[in-house]
């Protein structure tokens, strides 16, 4: 039976977790990136469609390719992050459904239906990107998710000739807590929620 997490664990995932813009000069191993995905993959998507594709940008060459697509305000924090994840959607995700969802002909639900493909790919890719953030936090990393880049330029540099399109970026590493901005307020339950 599932048990509630400890307050300490909840604070690591939510309460004390922050969006980081400044990073310590500490590397993130490939093994840790694999471990993050190993957790992310288990989180739910509709019909197990799993459309997200993740490019972990680490090398100087890959960072240089990404840099030319970044808005000026995101350049320094992205280049100083040990890793930047390009969270992207595969708009041919349905081709993998015979493997991912074998108990029904789920591929036929999407093939030839571009509106359903787009809505499913976009919604579930954002979900999977959020799952990756939580997995990274659970495994001890800090995150800096962001937009503020030229999607078409990223797609040309990293996904040319494919059905994969970028959605958003996540900087990963060990954040410098001394350089955090004051925490912004959040909406109260009654301002954001209803129980009917």
Protein backbone atom coordinates (compact mmCIF):
# COMPACT_ATOMS: atom_id res chain seq x y z
CA UNK A 1 0.00 0.00 0.00
CA UNK A 2 1.28 3.47 -0.88
CA UNK A 3 2.32 5.53 2.14
CA UNK A 4 2.69 9.32 2.39
CA UNK A 5 6.22 10.61 1.93
CA UNK A 6 8.04 12.18 4.84
CA UNK A 7 7.93 15.95 5.29
CA UNK A 8 11.63 16.00 4.39
CA UNK A 9 10.97 14.23 1.09
CA UNK A 10 8.01 16.46 0.27
CA UNK A 11 10.12 19.55 0.95
CA UNK A 12 12.84 18.26 -1.39
CA UNK A 13 10.28 17.78 -4.16
CA UNK A 14 8.05 20.80 -3.51
CA UNK A 15 8.30 22.95 -0.38
CA UNK A 16 11.99 23.85 -0.50
CA UNK A 17 12.57 23.20 -4.20
CA UNK A 18 13.29 26.30 -6.25
CA UNK A 19 13.90 27.30 -9.84
CA UNK A 20 17.65 27.86 -10.08
CA UNK A 21 19.49 30.32 -12.32
CA UNK A 22 23.00 29.99 -10.84
CA UNK A 23 24.95 26.76 -10.66
CA UNK A 24 27.83 25.32 -8.72
CA UNK A 25 30.74 24.04 -10.78
CA UNK A 26 29.91 20.38 -10.12
CA UNK A 27 29.39 17.87 -12.93
CA UNK A 28 26.32 15.70 -13.40
CA UNK A 29 27.19 12.15 -14.41
CA UNK A 30 25.69 10.29 -17.32
CA UNK A 31 24.71 7.57 -14.85
CA UNK A 32 22.63 10.08 -12.88
CA UNK A 33 20.90 11.26 -16.06
CA UNK A 34 20.09 7.62 -16.85
CA UNK A 35 18.71 7.19 -13.33
CA UNK A 36 16.51 10.25 -13.77
CA UNK A 37 15.02 8.83 -16.94
CA UNK A 38 14.68 5.40 -15.33
CA UNK A 39 12.27 7.00 -12.84
CA UNK A 40 10.57 9.35 -15.32
CA UNK A 41 9.59 6.53 -17.65
CA UNK A 42 7.24 4.96 -15.09
CA UNK A 43 4.98 7.99 -14.67
CA UNK A 44 1.63 7.84 -16.50
CA UNK A 45 0.78 9.15 -19.94
CA UNK A 46 -2.46 8.63 -21.85
CA UNK A 47 -2.51 5.15 -23.41
CA UNK A 48 1.12 4.90 -22.28
CA UNK A 49 1.94 6.97 -25.38
CA UNK A 50 5.19 8.39 -23.95
CA UNK A 51 5.77 11.03 -26.65
CA UNK A 52 8.52 12.95 -24.86
CA UNK A 53 12.05 12.78 -26.15
CA UNK A 54 14.85 14.14 -23.97
CA UNK A 55 18.17 15.46 -25.25
CA UNK A 56 20.68 15.97 -22.43
CA UNK A 57 22.96 18.76 -23.66
CA UNK A 58 26.32 18.48 -21.86
CA UNK A 59 29.26 18.76 -24.23
CA UNK A 60 30.77 22.12 -25.24
CA UNK A 61 29.85 21.38 -28.86
CA UNK A 62 26.20 20.67 -28.02
CA UNK A 63 26.03 23.70 -25.71
CA UNK A 64 27.33 25.89 -28.56
CA UNK A 65 24.60 24.57 -30.86
CA UNK A 66 21.98 25.37 -28.24
CA UNK A 67 23.42 28.78 -27.34
CA UNK A 68 22.58 30.33 -30.70
CA UNK A 69 18.87 29.61 -30.13
CA UNK A 70 18.63 31.06 -26.61
CA UNK A 71 17.14 34.41 -25.66
CA UNK A 72 19.79 36.72 -24.23
CA UNK A 73 18.34 36.50 -20.72
CA UNK A 74 18.72 32.71 -20.69
CA UNK A 75 22.19 32.46 -22.19
CA UNK A 76 24.45 32.71 -19.13
CA UNK A 77 22.39 30.50 -16.83
CA UNK A 78 22.09 27.83 -19.51
CA UNK A 79 25.74 27.80 -20.50
CA UNK A 80 26.80 27.62 -16.84
CA UNK A 81 24.43 24.73 -16.05
CA UNK A 82 26.11 21.31 -16.15
CA UNK A 83 23.25 19.93 -18.26
CA UNK A 84 20.36 21.38 -20.22
CA UNK A 85 17.54 19.04 -21.17
CA UNK A 86 15.65 19.71 -24.37
CA UNK A 87 12.16 18.39 -23.67
CA UNK A 88 10.66 17.57 -27.05
CA UNK A 89 7.59 15.85 -28.47
CA UNK A 90 7.70 13.08 -31.05
CA UNK A 91 4.72 13.66 -33.31
CA UNK A 92 5.06 10.11 -34.60
CA UNK A 93 4.76 8.68 -31.08
CA UNK A 94 1.81 6.56 -32.19
CA UNK A 95 4.13 4.36 -34.26
CA UNK A 96 5.44 2.93 -30.99
CA UNK A 97 1.99 2.19 -29.56
CA UNK A 98 1.93 -1.45 -30.75
CA UNK A 99 4.84 -1.95 -28.33
CA UNK A 100 3.78 0.50 -25.60
CA UNK A 101 0.05 -0.32 -25.56
CA UNK A 102 -0.17 -3.85 -27.02
CA UNK A 103 -3.61 -4.80 -25.69
CA UNK A 104 -5.44 -2.49 -28.13
CA UNK A 105 -4.96 -1.09 -31.63
CA UNK A 106 -4.06 2.33 -30.22
CA UNK A 107 -2.05 3.31 -33.29
CA UNK A 108 -5.28 3.51 -35.29
CA UNK A 109 -6.65 6.08 -32.84
CA UNK A 110 -4.04 8.57 -34.05
CA UNK A 111 -2.85 7.69 -37.55
CA UNK A 112 -4.26 10.24 -39.99
CA UNK A 113 -5.64 12.46 -37.21
CA UNK A 114 -3.19 15.39 -36.88
CA UNK A 115 -5.28 17.31 -34.34
CA UNK A 116 -5.44 14.32 -31.97
CA UNK A 117 -1.73 13.63 -32.52
CA UNK A 118 -0.81 17.23 -31.68
CA UNK A 119 -3.00 17.56 -28.58
CA UNK A 120 -1.88 14.19 -27.21
CA UNK A 121 1.80 14.76 -27.98
CA UNK A 122 1.85 18.27 -26.51
CA UNK A 123 -0.09 17.47 -23.34
CA UNK A 124 1.80 14.30 -22.51
CA UNK A 125 5.21 15.74 -23.34
CA UNK A 126 4.66 18.55 -20.84
CA UNK A 127 3.57 15.94 -18.28
CA UNK A 128 6.72 13.91 -18.89
CA UNK A 129 8.88 17.02 -18.62
CA UNK A 130 7.31 17.73 -15.23
CA UNK A 131 7.91 14.13 -14.19
CA UNK A 132 11.56 14.55 -15.16
CA UNK A 133 11.81 17.63 -12.94
CA UNK A 134 10.43 15.68 -10.00
CA UNK A 135 12.73 12.72 -10.69
CA UNK A 136 15.75 15.03 -10.86
CA UNK A 137 14.78 16.67 -7.57
CA UNK A 138 14.17 13.28 -5.97
CA UNK A 139 17.67 12.19 -6.99
CA UNK A 140 19.35 15.30 -5.58
CA UNK A 141 19.55 17.77 -8.46
CA UNK A 142 18.17 21.27 -8.79
CA UNK A 143 16.24 22.40 -11.86
CA UNK A 144 15.68 25.53 -13.88
CA UNK A 145 12.86 24.95 -16.38
CA UNK A 146 12.31 27.64 -18.98
CA UNK A 147 11.06 28.72 -22.33
CA UNK A 148 12.74 31.77 -23.88
CA UNK A 149 14.40 30.21 -26.90
CA UNK A 150 13.85 29.85 -30.62
CA UNK A 151 12.07 26.50 -30.99
CA UNK A 152 12.57 26.40 -34.76
CA UNK A 153 16.33 26.92 -34.37
CA UNK A 154 16.55 24.18 -31.72
CA UNK A 155 14.55 21.85 -33.94
CA UNK A 156 16.82 22.55 -36.91
CA UNK A 157 19.96 21.98 -34.83
CA UNK A 158 18.87 18.89 -32.92
CA UNK A 159 15.89 17.27 -34.68
CA UNK A 160 16.32 18.03 -38.37
CA UNK A 161 14.56 15.51 -40.60
CA UNK A 162 12.50 14.01 -37.77
CA UNK A 163 8.97 14.38 -36.41
CA UNK A 164 10.38 15.61 -33.09
CA UNK A 165 9.79 19.23 -32.01
CA UNK A 166 11.14 21.02 -28.94
CA UNK A 167 8.78 22.19 -26.22
CA UNK A 168 10.82 23.60 -23.31
CA UNK A 169 14.22 23.42 -21.63
CA UNK A 170 15.33 22.35 -18.16
CA UNK A 171 18.70 23.30 -16.75
CA UNK A 172 19.99 20.64 -14.33
CA UNK A 173 22.75 20.72 -11.77
CA UNK A 174 23.54 21.71 -8.22
CA UNK A 175 22.09 25.15 -7.71
CA UNK A 176 23.79 27.96 -5.82
CA UNK A 177 21.21 28.61 -3.08
CA UNK A 178 22.97 31.82 -2.01
CA UNK A 179 21.95 33.43 -5.32
CA UNK A 180 18.28 32.52 -5.27
CA UNK A 181 15.72 35.26 -5.70
CA UNK A 182 13.18 35.68 -2.90
CA UNK A 183 10.42 33.15 -3.31
CA UNK A 184 7.38 34.43 -5.17
CA UNK A 185 3.91 34.00 -3.64
CA UNK A 186 1.48 31.26 -4.62
CA UNK A 187 -2.29 31.25 -4.89
CA UNK A 188 -4.17 30.05 -1.83
CA UNK A 189 -6.33 26.94 -2.09
CA UNK A 190 -9.54 28.97 -2.26
CA UNK A 191 -8.15 31.08 -5.10
CA UNK A 192 -7.13 28.11 -7.25
CA UNK A 193 -9.35 25.23 -6.23
CA UNK A 194 -12.94 24.10 -5.74
CA UNK A 195 -14.28 20.98 -4.11
CA UNK A 196 -17.67 20.15 -5.59
